[in-house]
C-alpha atoms as a PDB file:
ATOM      1  CA  MET A   1       2.794  19.405 -20.123  1.00  0.00           C
ATOM      2  CA  LEU A   2       3.017  15.724 -21.010  1.00  0.00           C
ATOM      3  CA  GLY A   3       2.689  13.115 -18.290  1.00  0.00           C
ATOM      4  CA  VAL A   4       3.853   9.546 -18.856  1.00  0.00           C
ATOM      5  CA  ILE A   5       2.578   6.790 -16.594  1.00  0.00           C
ATOM      6  CA  VAL A   6       4.392   3.460 -16.637  1.00  0.00           C
ATOM      7  CA  PHE A   7       1.633   1.058 -15.612  1.00  0.00           C
ATOM      8  CA  ALA A   8       2.346  -2.444 -14.330  1.00  0.00           C
ATOM      9  CA  HIS A   9       0.521  -5.175 -12.447  1.00  0.00           C
ATOM     10  CA  GLY A  10       2.221  -4.955  -9.047  1.00  0.00           C
ATOM     11  CA  SER A  11       3.708  -7.398  -6.543  1.00  0.00           C
ATOM     12  CA  ARG A  12       4.239  -7.809  -2.817  1.00  0.00           C
ATOM     13  CA  ASP A  13       7.965  -8.245  -3.517  1.00  0.00           C
ATOM     14  CA  PRO A  14       9.588  -4.788  -3.228  1.00  0.00           C
ATOM     15  CA  LEU A  15      12.372  -5.806  -5.652  1.00  0.00           C
ATOM     16  CA  TRP A  16       9.766  -6.446  -8.343  1.00  0.00           C
ATOM     17  CA  ARG A  17       9.323  -2.684  -8.720  1.00  0.00           C
ATOM     18  CA  LEU A  18      12.946  -2.097  -9.729  1.00  0.00           C
ATOM     19  CA  PRO A  19      12.585  -2.847 -13.462  1.00  0.00           C
ATOM     20  CA  VAL A  20       9.386  -0.774 -13.637  1.00  0.00           C
ATOM     21  CA  GLU A  21      11.092   2.166 -11.979  1.00  0.00           C
ATOM     22  CA  SER A  22      14.094   1.714 -14.281  1.00  0.00           C
ATOM     23  CA  VAL A  23      11.857   2.057 -17.346  1.00  0.00           C
ATOM     24  CA  ALA A  24      10.329   5.215 -15.858  1.00  0.00           C
ATOM     25  CA  GLN A  25      13.810   6.660 -15.234  1.00  0.00           C
ATOM     26  CA  GLN A  26      14.856   5.913 -18.824  1.00  0.00           C
ATOM     27  CA  ILE A  27      11.757   7.686 -20.161  1.00  0.00           C
ATOM     28  CA  ALA A  28      12.429  10.680 -17.895  1.00  0.00           C
ATOM     29  CA  ARG A  29      16.009  10.903 -19.151  1.00  0.00           C
ATOM     30  CA  SER A  30      14.884  10.735 -22.773  1.00  0.00           C
ATOM     31  CA  ASP A  31      12.284  13.510 -22.292  1.00  0.00           C
ATOM     32  CA  PRO A  32      13.226  15.815 -19.402  1.00  0.00           C
ATOM     33  CA  ALA A  33      10.197  18.048 -20.062  1.00  0.00           C
ATOM     34  CA  ALA A  34       7.752  15.198 -19.355  1.00  0.00           C
ATOM     35  CA  ALA A  35       6.483  14.256 -15.918  1.00  0.00           C
ATOM     36  CA  VAL A  36       7.007  10.509 -15.448  1.00  0.00           C
ATOM     37  CA  SER A  37       5.480   8.263 -12.808  1.00  0.00           C
ATOM     38  CA  CYS A  38       4.839   4.601 -12.138  1.00  0.00           C
ATOM     39  CA  ALA A  39       1.384   3.241 -11.291  1.00  0.00           C
ATOM     40  CA  TYR A  40       0.207  -0.242 -10.380  1.00  0.00           C
ATOM     41  CA  LEU A  41      -2.931  -2.283 -10.820  1.00  0.00           C
ATOM     42  CA  GLU A  42      -2.651  -3.840  -7.362  1.00  0.00           C
ATOM     43  CA  LEU A  43      -0.340  -4.661  -4.456  1.00  0.00           C
ATOM     44  CA  CYS A  44       1.784  -1.502  -4.900  1.00  0.00           C
ATOM     45  CA  GLU A  45       1.282   2.227  -4.615  1.00  0.00           C
ATOM     46  CA  PRO A  46       0.404   4.468  -6.301  1.00  0.00           C
ATOM     47  CA  ASP A  47      -2.591   3.182  -8.213  1.00  0.00           C
ATOM     48  CA  MET A  48      -3.485   4.691 -11.594  1.00  0.00           C
ATOM     49  CA  ALA A  49      -5.980   7.213 -10.216  1.00  0.00           C
ATOM     50  CA  SER A  50      -3.542   8.506  -7.596  1.00  0.00           C
ATOM     51  CA  ALA A  51      -0.675   8.828 -10.071  1.00  0.00           C
ATOM     52  CA  ALA A  52      -2.872  10.677 -12.586  1.00  0.00           C
ATOM     53  CA  ARG A  53      -4.282  12.977  -9.892  1.00  0.00           C
ATOM     54  CA  GLN A  54      -0.772  13.904  -8.705  1.00  0.00           C
ATOM     55  CA  MET A  55       0.258  14.679 -12.270  1.00  0.00           C
ATOM     56  CA  VAL A  56      -2.790  16.866 -12.923  1.00  0.00           C
ATOM     57  CA  GLU A  57      -2.037  18.759  -9.697  1.00  0.00           C
ATOM     58  CA  ALA A  58       1.513  19.288 -11.038  1.00  0.00           C
ATOM     59  CA  GLY A  59       0.197  20.788 -14.290  1.00  0.00           C
ATOM     60  CA  VAL A  60       0.030  17.798 -16.653  1.00  0.00           C
ATOM     61  CA  THR A  61      -2.535  18.343 -19.420  1.00  0.00           C
ATOM     62  CA  ARG A  62      -1.771  15.372 -21.725  1.00  0.00           C
ATOM     63  CA  PHE A  63      -1.078  11.752 -20.834  1.00  0.00           C
ATOM     64  CA  ALA A  64       0.733   8.814 -22.378  1.00  0.00           C
ATOM     65  CA  LEU A  65       0.345   5.365 -20.846  1.00  0.00           C
ATOM     66  CA  ASP A  66       3.055   2.728 -21.164  1.00  0.00           C
ATOM     67  CA  PHE A  67       1.832  -0.674 -20.036  1.00  0.00           C
ATOM     68  CA  LEU A  68       4.680  -2.850 -18.854  1.00  0.00           C
ATOM     69  CA  ALA A  69       3.863  -6.552 -18.829  1.00  0.00           C
ATOM     70  CA  ALA A  70       6.475  -8.917 -17.454  1.00  0.00           C
ATOM     71  CA  GLU A  71       6.269 -12.671 -17.227  1.00  0.00           C
ATOM     72  CA  ARG A  72       8.508 -15.407 -15.940  1.00  0.00           C
ATOM     73  CA  GLY A  73       9.787 -17.977 -18.320  1.00  0.00           C
END
C-alpha cells in the first residue's frame, strides 16, 4: 500500500494547519487506495517519524513525500 505524507514546517497557530490538511484531503480524494497523513518539522504533531510509524503499522509498504512550503508575501 502507498502512503503519502504531506510534510510542512509547523506553527503554534492552529489555523495554520488548515491548508496543509486541505492538501492532504485533496490527495486522499484523488487516490482513495493511498493512506494519507500530515507531518510537521516542529511545533505541531505528528512529527515525520510518528506519521511514518503509524502508516507502517497500518500496512503501508511504499512512501511518497510531498513537502509543502508556504511563505508570506
